[in-house]
Amino acid sequence: PVNRPFEITFENQEGVPHNVAFFEGRDANAPRILPPGETPVFPGPRSVTYRLPALKAGSYFFHCDAHTGSMTGQLIVRSR
């Protein structure tokens, strides 16, 4: 949703530590949306819900801090 806080639940189904770090731009050079303390790396199996602030429409890069080169994606925020 645009301009509304929202939640994303990340389900780590592996015994390997993972997280999701969200960035304000199209890559990890942009500032983080949430501070690192709010998106810690954690072992699975376990689910964690991230509470994100209201964001403008656009694409926001994310990655796993433990696997920055191989676990990446784009969060798309748009009006319905």
PDB file of N, CA and C in Angstrom:
ATOM      1  N   PRO A   1       0.830  -1.216   0.000  1.00  0.00           N
ATOM      2  CA  PRO A   1       0.000   0.000   0.000  1.00  0.00           C
ATOM      3  C   PRO A   1       0.864   1.265   0.000  1.00  0.00           C
ATOM      4  N   VAL A   2       0.390   2.296  -0.647  1.00  0.00           N
ATOM      5  CA  VAL A   2       1.099   3.571  -0.713  1.00  0.00           C
ATOM      6  C   VAL A   2       0.750   4.418   0.509  1.00  0.00           C
ATOM      7  N   ASN A   3       1.765   5.067   1.056  1.00  0.00           N
ATOM      8  CA  ASN A   3       1.594   6.047   2.134  1.00  0.00           C
ATOM      9  C   ASN A   3       0.876   5.502   3.371  1.00  0.00           C
ATOM     10  N   ARG A   4       1.024   4.204   3.632  1.00  0.00           N
ATOM     11  CA  ARG A   4       0.474   3.588   4.845  1.00  0.00           C
ATOM     12  C   ARG A   4       1.499   2.624   5.423  1.00  0.00           C
ATOM     13  N   PRO A   5       1.685   2.636   6.735  1.00  0.00           N
ATOM     14  CA  PRO A   5       2.540   1.604   7.327  1.00  0.00           C
ATOM     15  C   PRO A   5       1.965   0.223   7.013  1.00  0.00           C
ATOM     16  N   PHE A   6       2.825  -0.772   6.907  1.00  0.00           N
ATOM     17  CA  PHE A   6       2.364  -2.131   6.617  1.00  0.00           C
ATOM     18  C   PHE A   6       3.347  -3.139   7.187  1.00  0.00           C
ATOM     19  N   GLU A   7       2.957  -4.400   7.158  1.00  0.00           N
ATOM     20  CA  GLU A   7       3.782  -5.476   7.684  1.00  0.00           C
ATOM     21  C   GLU A   7       4.080  -6.493   6.590  1.00  0.00           C
ATOM     22  N   ILE A   8       5.272  -7.086   6.694  1.00  0.00           N
ATOM     23  CA  ILE A   8       5.671  -8.190   5.828  1.00  0.00           C
ATOM     24  C   ILE A   8       6.176  -9.297   6.743  1.00  0.00           C
ATOM     25  N   THR A   9       5.683 -10.511   6.548  1.00  0.00           N
ATOM     26  CA  THR A   9       6.157 -11.647   7.332  1.00  0.00           C
ATOM     27  C   THR A   9       7.118 -12.462   6.483  1.00  0.00           C
ATOM     28  N   PHE A  10       8.317 -12.670   7.022  1.00  0.00           N
ATOM     29  CA  PHE A  10       9.354 -13.459   6.361  1.00  0.00           C
ATOM     30  C   PHE A  10       9.446 -14.799   7.074  1.00  0.00           C
ATOM     31  N   GLU A  11       9.297 -15.867   6.325  1.00  0.00           N
ATOM     32  CA  GLU A  11       9.357 -17.208   6.891  1.00  0.00           C
ATOM     33  C   GLU A  11      10.672 -17.872   6.487  1.00  0.00           C
ATOM     34  N   ASN A  12      11.556 -18.034   7.441  1.00  0.00           N
ATOM     35  CA  ASN A  12      12.821 -18.727   7.211  1.00  0.00           C
ATOM     36  C   ASN A  12      12.571 -20.209   7.465  1.00  0.00           C
ATOM     37  N   GLN A  13      12.526 -20.997   6.414  1.00  0.00           N
ATOM     38  CA  GLN A  13      12.224 -22.412   6.532  1.00  0.00           C
ATOM     39  C   GLN A  13      13.474 -23.264   6.683  1.00  0.00           C
ATOM     40  N   GLU A  14      14.639 -22.624   6.694  1.00  0.00           N
ATOM     41  CA  GLU A  14      15.903 -23.353   6.762  1.00  0.00           C
ATOM     42  C   GLU A  14      16.555 -23.199   8.132  1.00  0.00           C
ATOM     43  N   GLY A  15      17.529 -24.023   8.418  1.00  0.00           N
ATOM     44  CA  GLY A  15      18.329 -23.878   9.621  1.00  0.00           C
ATOM     45  C   GLY A  15      19.440 -22.856   9.448  1.00  0.00           C
ATOM     46  N   VAL A  16      19.529 -22.282   8.266  1.00  0.00           N
ATOM     47  CA  VAL A  16      20.547 -21.280   7.925  1.00  0.00           C
ATOM     48  C   VAL A  16      20.063 -19.901   8.349  1.00  0.00           C
ATOM     49  N   PRO A  17      20.919 -19.065   8.936  1.00  0.00           N
ATOM     50  CA  PRO A  17      20.488 -17.709   9.311  1.00  0.00           C
ATOM     51  C   PRO A  17      20.166 -16.842   8.094  1.00  0.00           C
ATOM     52  N   HIS A  18      19.052 -16.102   8.197  1.00  0.00           N
ATOM     53  CA  HIS A  18      18.597 -15.181   7.156  1.00  0.00           C
ATOM     54  C   HIS A  18      17.936 -13.966   7.810  1.00  0.00           C
ATOM     55  N   ASN A  19      17.690 -12.958   7.018  1.00  0.00           N
ATOM     56  CA  ASN A  19      16.847 -11.818   7.374  1.00  0.00           C
ATOM     57  C   ASN A  19      16.436 -11.126   6.081  1.00  0.00           C
ATOM     58  N   VAL A  20      15.737 -10.014   6.219  1.00  0.00           N
ATOM     59  CA  VAL A  20      15.440  -9.173   5.064  1.00  0.00           C
ATOM     60  C   VAL A  20      15.775  -7.745   5.467  1.00  0.00           C
ATOM     61  N   ALA A  21      16.686  -7.115   4.726  1.00  0.00           N
ATOM     62  CA  ALA A  21      17.051  -5.723   4.946  1.00  0.00           C
ATOM     63  C   ALA A  21      16.486  -4.912   3.784  1.00  0.00           C
ATOM     64  N   PHE A  22      15.701  -3.898   4.095  1.00  0.00           N
ATOM     65  CA  PHE A  22      15.030  -3.075   3.090  1.00  0.00           C
ATOM     66  C   PHE A  22      15.768  -1.742   2.928  1.00  0.00           C
ATOM     67  N   PHE A  23      15.877  -1.268   1.697  1.00  0.00           N
ATOM     68  CA  PHE A  23      16.611  -0.039   1.400  1.00  0.00           C
ATOM     69  C   PHE A  23      15.715   0.967   0.680  1.00  0.00           C
ATOM     70  N   GLU A  24      16.020   2.243   0.829  1.00  0.00           N
ATOM     71  CA  GLU A  24      15.196   3.320   0.276  1.00  0.00           C
ATOM     72  C   GLU A  24      15.368   3.525  -1.221  1.00  0.00           C
ATOM     73  N   GLY A  25      16.254   2.788  -1.846  1.00  0.00           N
ATOM     74  CA  GLY A  25      16.489   2.957  -3.281  1.00  0.00           C
ATOM     75  C   GLY A  25      16.535   1.629  -4.005  1.00  0.00           C
ATOM     76  N   ARG A  26      17.205   1.639  -5.152  1.00  0.00           N
ATOM     77  CA  ARG A  26      17.231   0.459  -6.011  1.00  0.00           C
ATOM     78  C   ARG A  26      18.406  -0.473  -5.728  1.00  0.00           C
ATOM     79  N   ASP A  27      19.238  -0.153  -4.723  1.00  0.00           N
ATOM     80  CA  ASP A  27      20.335  -1.051  -4.354  1.00  0.00           C
ATOM     81  C   ASP A  27      20.726  -0.814  -2.901  1.00  0.00           C
ATOM     82  N   ALA A  28      21.705  -1.577  -2.428  1.00  0.00           N
ATOM     83  CA  ALA A  28      22.107  -1.519  -1.022  1.00  0.00           C
ATOM     84  C   ALA A  28      22.947  -0.294  -0.698  1.00  0.00           C
ATOM     85  N   ASN A  29      23.230   0.567  -1.672  1.00  0.00           N
ATOM     86  CA  ASN A  29      23.943   1.816  -1.398  1.00  0.00           C
ATOM     87  C   ASN A  29      23.008   2.868  -0.805  1.00  0.00           C
ATOM     88  N   ALA A  30      21.724   2.667  -0.920  1.00  0.00           N
ATOM     89  CA  ALA A  30      20.726   3.601  -0.369  1.00  0.00           C
ATOM     90  C   ALA A  30      20.604   3.369   1.140  1.00  0.00           C
ATOM     91  N   PRO A  31      20.098   4.344   1.870  1.00  0.00           N
ATOM     92  CA  PRO A  31      19.879   4.153   3.305  1.00  0.00           C
ATOM     93  C   PRO A  31      18.868   3.035   3.559  1.00  0.00           C
ATOM     94  N   ARG A  32      19.027   2.393   4.693  1.00  0.00           N
ATOM     95  CA  ARG A  32      18.075   1.351   5.100  1.00  0.00           C
ATOM     96  C   ARG A  32      16.754   1.979   5.521  1.00  0.00           C
ATOM     97  N   ILE A  33      15.675   1.281   5.242  1.00  0.00           N
ATOM     98  CA  ILE A  33      14.358   1.734   5.688  1.00  0.00           C
ATOM     99  C   ILE A  33      14.207   1.477   7.178  1.00  0.00           C
ATOM    100  N   LEU A  34      14.686   0.323   7.639  1.00  0.00           N
ATOM    101  CA  LEU A  34      14.666  -0.014   9.064  1.00  0.00           C
ATOM    102  C   LEU A  34      16.106  -0.176   9.543  1.00  0.00           C
ATOM    103  N   PRO A  35      16.431   0.261  10.762  1.00  0.00           N
ATOM    104  CA  PRO A  35      17.784   0.082  11.264  1.00  0.00           C
ATOM    105  C   PRO A  35      18.139  -1.405  11.392  1.00  0.00           C
ATOM    106  N   PRO A  36      19.430  -1.759  11.296  1.00  0.00           N
ATOM    107  CA  PRO A  36      19.837  -3.161  11.380  1.00  0.00           C
ATOM    108  C   PRO A  36      19.307  -3.885  12.627  1.00  0.00           C
ATOM    109  N   GLY A  37      19.172  -3.196  13.732  1.00  0.00           N
ATOM    110  CA  GLY A  37      18.661  -3.825  14.950  1.00  0.00           C
ATOM    111  C   GLY A  37      17.221  -4.286  14.831  1.00  0.00           C
ATOM    112  N   GLU A  38      16.481  -3.740  13.870  1.00  0.00           N
ATOM    113  CA  GLU A  38      15.085  -4.136  13.670  1.00  0.00           C
ATOM    114  C   GLU A  38      14.944  -5.255  12.645  1.00  0.00           C
ATOM    115  N   THR A  39      16.042  -5.638  11.999  1.00  0.00           N
ATOM    116  CA  THR A  39      16.011  -6.731  11.020  1.00  0.00           C
ATOM    117  C   THR A  39      17.192  -7.676  11.256  1.00  0.00           C
ATOM    118  N   PRO A  40      17.315  -8.234  12.461  1.00  0.00           N
ATOM    119  CA  PRO A  40      18.468  -9.092  12.751  1.00  0.00           C
ATOM    120  C   PRO A  40      18.429 -10.396  11.951  1.00  0.00           C
ATOM    121  N   VAL A  41      19.615 -10.929  11.684  1.00  0.00           N
ATOM    122  CA  VAL A  41      19.734 -12.244  11.054  1.00  0.00           C
ATOM    123  C   VAL A  41      19.316 -13.274  12.098  1.00  0.00           C
ATOM    124  N   PHE A  42      18.511 -14.276  11.692  1.00  0.00           N
ATOM    125  CA  PHE A  42      18.036 -15.281  12.638  1.00  0.00           C
ATOM    126  C   PHE A  42      17.984 -16.660  11.975  1.00  0.00           C
ATOM    127  N   PRO A  43      18.225 -17.715  12.759  1.00  0.00           N
ATOM    128  CA  PRO A  43      18.148 -19.065  12.207  1.00  0.00           C
ATOM    129  C   PRO A  43      16.698 -19.526  12.114  1.00  0.00           C
ATOM    130  N   GLY A  44      16.447 -20.443  11.211  1.00  0.00           N
ATOM    131  CA  GLY A  44      15.117 -21.008  11.083  1.00  0.00           C
ATOM    132  C   GLY A  44      15.087 -22.400  11.677  1.00  0.00           C
ATOM    133  N   PRO A  45      13.966 -23.041  11.593  1.00  0.00           N
ATOM    134  CA  PRO A  45      12.738 -22.486  11.041  1.00  0.00           C
ATOM    135  C   PRO A  45      12.084 -21.515  12.019  1.00  0.00           C
ATOM    136  N   ARG A  46      11.677 -20.375  11.482  1.00  0.00           N
ATOM    137  CA  ARG A  46      11.051 -19.319  12.278  1.00  0.00           C
ATOM    138  C   ARG A  46      10.521 -18.247  11.337  1.00  0.00           C
ATOM    139  N   SER A  47       9.474 -17.566  11.760  1.00  0.00           N
ATOM    140  CA  SER A  47       8.917 -16.445  10.997  1.00  0.00           C
ATOM    141  C   SER A  47       9.105 -15.165  11.791  1.00  0.00           C
ATOM    142  N   VAL A  48       9.376 -14.082  11.084  1.00  0.00           N
ATOM    143  CA  VAL A  48       9.516 -12.763  11.697  1.00  0.00           C
ATOM    144  C   VAL A  48       8.676 -11.782  10.884  1.00  0.00           C
ATOM    145  N   THR A  49       7.947 -10.930  11.581  1.00  0.00           N
ATOM    146  CA  THR A  49       7.152  -9.900  10.916  1.00  0.00           C
ATOM    147  C   THR A  49       7.872  -8.567  11.037  1.00  0.00           C
ATOM    148  N   TYR A  50       8.081  -7.930   9.902  1.00  0.00           N
ATOM    149  CA  TYR A  50       8.711  -6.619   9.844  1.00  0.00           C
ATOM    150  C   TYR A  50       7.613  -5.572   9.691  1.00  0.00           C
ATOM    151  N   ARG A  51       7.677  -4.527  10.493  1.00  0.00           N
ATOM    152  CA  ARG A  51       6.727  -3.416  10.389  1.00  0.00           C
ATOM    153  C   ARG A  51       7.416  -2.276   9.655  1.00  0.00           C
ATOM    154  N   LEU A  52       6.954  -2.023   8.438  1.00  0.00           N
ATOM    155  CA  LEU A  52       7.561  -0.975   7.629  1.00  0.00           C
ATOM    156  C   LEU A  52       6.759   0.309   7.727  1.00  0.00           C
ATOM    157  N   PRO A  53       7.440   1.449   7.617  1.00  0.00           N
ATOM    158  CA  PRO A  53       6.740   2.727   7.669  1.00  0.00           C
ATOM    159  C   PRO A  53       6.011   2.991   6.353  1.00  0.00           C
ATOM    160  N   ALA A  54       5.211   4.028   6.332  1.00  0.00           N
ATOM    161  CA  ALA A  54       4.545   4.446   5.100  1.00  0.00           C
ATOM    162  C   ALA A  54       5.607   4.777   4.057  1.00  0.00           C
ATOM    163  N   LEU A  55       5.450   4.239   2.864  1.00  0.00           N
ATOM    164  CA  LEU A  55       6.398   4.471   1.777  1.00  0.00           C
ATOM    165  C   LEU A  55       5.666   5.050   0.571  1.00  0.00           C
ATOM    166  N   LYS A  56       6.397   5.843  -0.202  1.00  0.00           N
ATOM    167  CA  LYS A  56       5.858   6.372  -1.451  1.00  0.00           C
ATOM    168  C   LYS A  56       5.837   5.258  -2.490  1.00  0.00           C
ATOM    169  N   ALA A  57       5.061   5.428  -3.538  1.00  0.00           N
ATOM    170  CA  ALA A  57       5.030   4.454  -4.630  1.00  0.00           C
ATOM    171  C   ALA A  57       6.422   4.330  -5.228  1.00  0.00           C
ATOM    172  N   GLY A  58       6.815   3.119  -5.548  1.00  0.00           N
ATOM    173  CA  GLY A  58       8.110   2.891  -6.172  1.00  0.00           C
ATOM    174  C   GLY A  58       8.676   1.530  -5.840  1.00  0.00           C
ATOM    175  N   SER A  59       9.917   1.319  -6.269  1.00  0.00           N
ATOM    176  CA  SER A  59      10.632   0.068  -6.030  1.00  0.00           C
ATOM    177  C   SER A  59      11.675   0.285  -4.949  1.00  0.00           C
ATOM    178  N   TYR A  60      11.775  -0.668  -4.050  1.00  0.00           N
ATOM    179  CA  TYR A  60      12.711  -0.618  -2.933  1.00  0.00           C
ATOM    180  C   TYR A  60      13.493  -1.930  -2.904  1.00  0.00           C
ATOM    181  N   PHE A  61      14.805  -1.817  -2.921  1.00  0.00           N
ATOM    182  CA  PHE A  61      15.680  -2.992  -2.925  1.00  0.00           C
ATOM    183  C   PHE A  61      15.647  -3.680  -1.564  1.00  0.00           C
ATOM    184  N   PHE A  62      15.773  -5.007  -1.571  1.00  0.00           N
ATOM    185  CA  PHE A  62      15.994  -5.736  -0.326  1.00  0.00           C
ATOM    186  C   PHE A  62      16.989  -6.864  -0.566  1.00  0.00           C
ATOM    187  N   HIS A  63      17.647  -7.264   0.508  1.00  0.00           N
ATOM    188  CA  HIS A  63      18.529  -8.428   0.458  1.00  0.00           C
ATOM    189  C   HIS A  63      18.592  -9.070   1.845  1.00  0.00           C
ATOM    190  N   CYS A  64      19.200 -10.241   1.881  1.00  0.00           N
ATOM    191  CA  CYS A  64      19.512 -10.912   3.137  1.00  0.00           C
ATOM    192  C   CYS A  64      20.914 -10.462   3.531  1.00  0.00           C
ATOM    193  N   ASP A  65      21.085  -9.946   4.744  1.00  0.00           N
ATOM    194  CA  ASP A  65      22.402  -9.480   5.174  1.00  0.00           C
ATOM    195  C   ASP A  65      23.435 -10.606   5.213  1.00  0.00           C
ATOM    196  N   ALA A  66      22.994 -11.841   5.392  1.00  0.00           N
ATOM    197  CA  ALA A  66      23.923 -12.974   5.438  1.00  0.00           C
ATOM    198  C   ALA A  66      24.306 -13.468   4.045  1.00  0.00           C
ATOM    199  N   HIS A  67      23.518 -13.121   3.040  1.00  0.00           N
ATOM    200  CA  HIS A  67      23.739 -13.608   1.674  1.00  0.00           C
ATOM    201  C   HIS A  67      23.476 -12.482   0.673  1.00  0.00           C
ATOM    202  N   THR A  68      24.210 -11.394   0.798  1.00  0.00           N
ATOM    203  CA  THR A  68      23.920 -10.171   0.044  1.00  0.00           C
ATOM    204  C   THR A  68      24.001 -10.326  -1.468  1.00  0.00           C
ATOM    205  N   GLY A  69      24.823 -11.222  -1.959  1.00  0.00           N
ATOM    206  CA  GLY A  69      24.978 -11.361  -3.402  1.00  0.00           C
ATOM    207  C   GLY A  69      23.986 -12.297  -4.053  1.00  0.00           C
ATOM    208  N   SER A  70      23.363 -13.166  -3.268  1.00  0.00           N
ATOM    209  CA  SER A  70      22.507 -14.178  -3.880  1.00  0.00           C
ATOM    210  C   SER A  70      21.037 -14.104  -3.468  1.00  0.00           C
ATOM    211  N   MET A  71      20.727 -13.390  -2.416  1.00  0.00           N
ATOM    212  CA  MET A  71      19.332 -13.302  -1.968  1.00  0.00           C
ATOM    213  C   MET A  71      18.909 -11.843  -2.001  1.00  0.00           C
ATOM    214  N   THR A  72      18.383 -11.409  -3.154  1.00  0.00           N
ATOM    215  CA  THR A  72      18.006 -10.024  -3.357  1.00  0.00           C
ATOM    216  C   THR A  72      16.643  -9.950  -4.029  1.00  0.00           C
ATOM    217  N   GLY A  73      16.053  -8.774  -3.997  1.00  0.00           N
ATOM    218  CA  GLY A  73      14.787  -8.586  -4.686  1.00  0.00           C
ATOM    219  C   GLY A  73      14.330  -7.151  -4.619  1.00  0.00           C
ATOM    220  N   GLN A  74      13.125  -6.908  -5.131  1.00  0.00           N
ATOM    221  CA  GLN A  74      12.528  -5.582  -5.137  1.00  0.00           C
ATOM    222  C   GLN A  74      11.179  -5.645  -4.443  1.00  0.00           C
ATOM    223  N   LEU A  75      10.964  -4.738  -3.523  1.00  0.00           N
ATOM    224  CA  LEU A  75       9.660  -4.535  -2.904  1.00  0.00           C
ATOM    225  C   LEU A  75       8.965  -3.454  -3.726  1.00  0.00           C
ATOM    226  N   ILE A  76       7.796  -3.751  -4.249  1.00  0.00           N
ATOM    227  CA  ILE A  76       7.059  -2.794  -5.074  1.00  0.00           C
ATOM    228  C   ILE A  76       5.913  -2.224  -4.241  1.00  0.00           C
ATOM    229  N   VAL A  77       5.905  -0.903  -4.095  1.00  0.00           N
ATOM    230  CA  VAL A  77       4.843  -0.202  -3.377  1.00  0.00           C
ATOM    231  C   VAL A  77       4.036   0.548  -4.423  1.00  0.00           C
ATOM    232  N   ARG A  78       2.741   0.283  -4.443  1.00  0.00           N
ATOM    233  CA  ARG A  78       1.903   0.927  -5.455  1.00  0.00           C
ATOM    234  C   ARG A  78       0.478   1.096  -4.929  1.00  0.00           C
ATOM    235  N   SER A  79      -0.245   1.986  -5.571  1.00  0.00           N
ATOM    236  CA  SER A  79      -1.655   2.115  -5.231  1.00  0.00           C
ATOM    237  C   SER A  79      -2.388   0.955  -5.876  1.00  0.00           C
ATOM    238  N   ARG A  80      -3.483   0.624  -5.343  1.00  0.00           N
ATOM    239  CA  ARG A  80      -4.207  -0.581  -5.826  1.00  0.00           C
ATOM    240  C   ARG A  80      -4.746  -0.386  -7.166  1.00  0.00           C
TER     241      ARG A  80
END
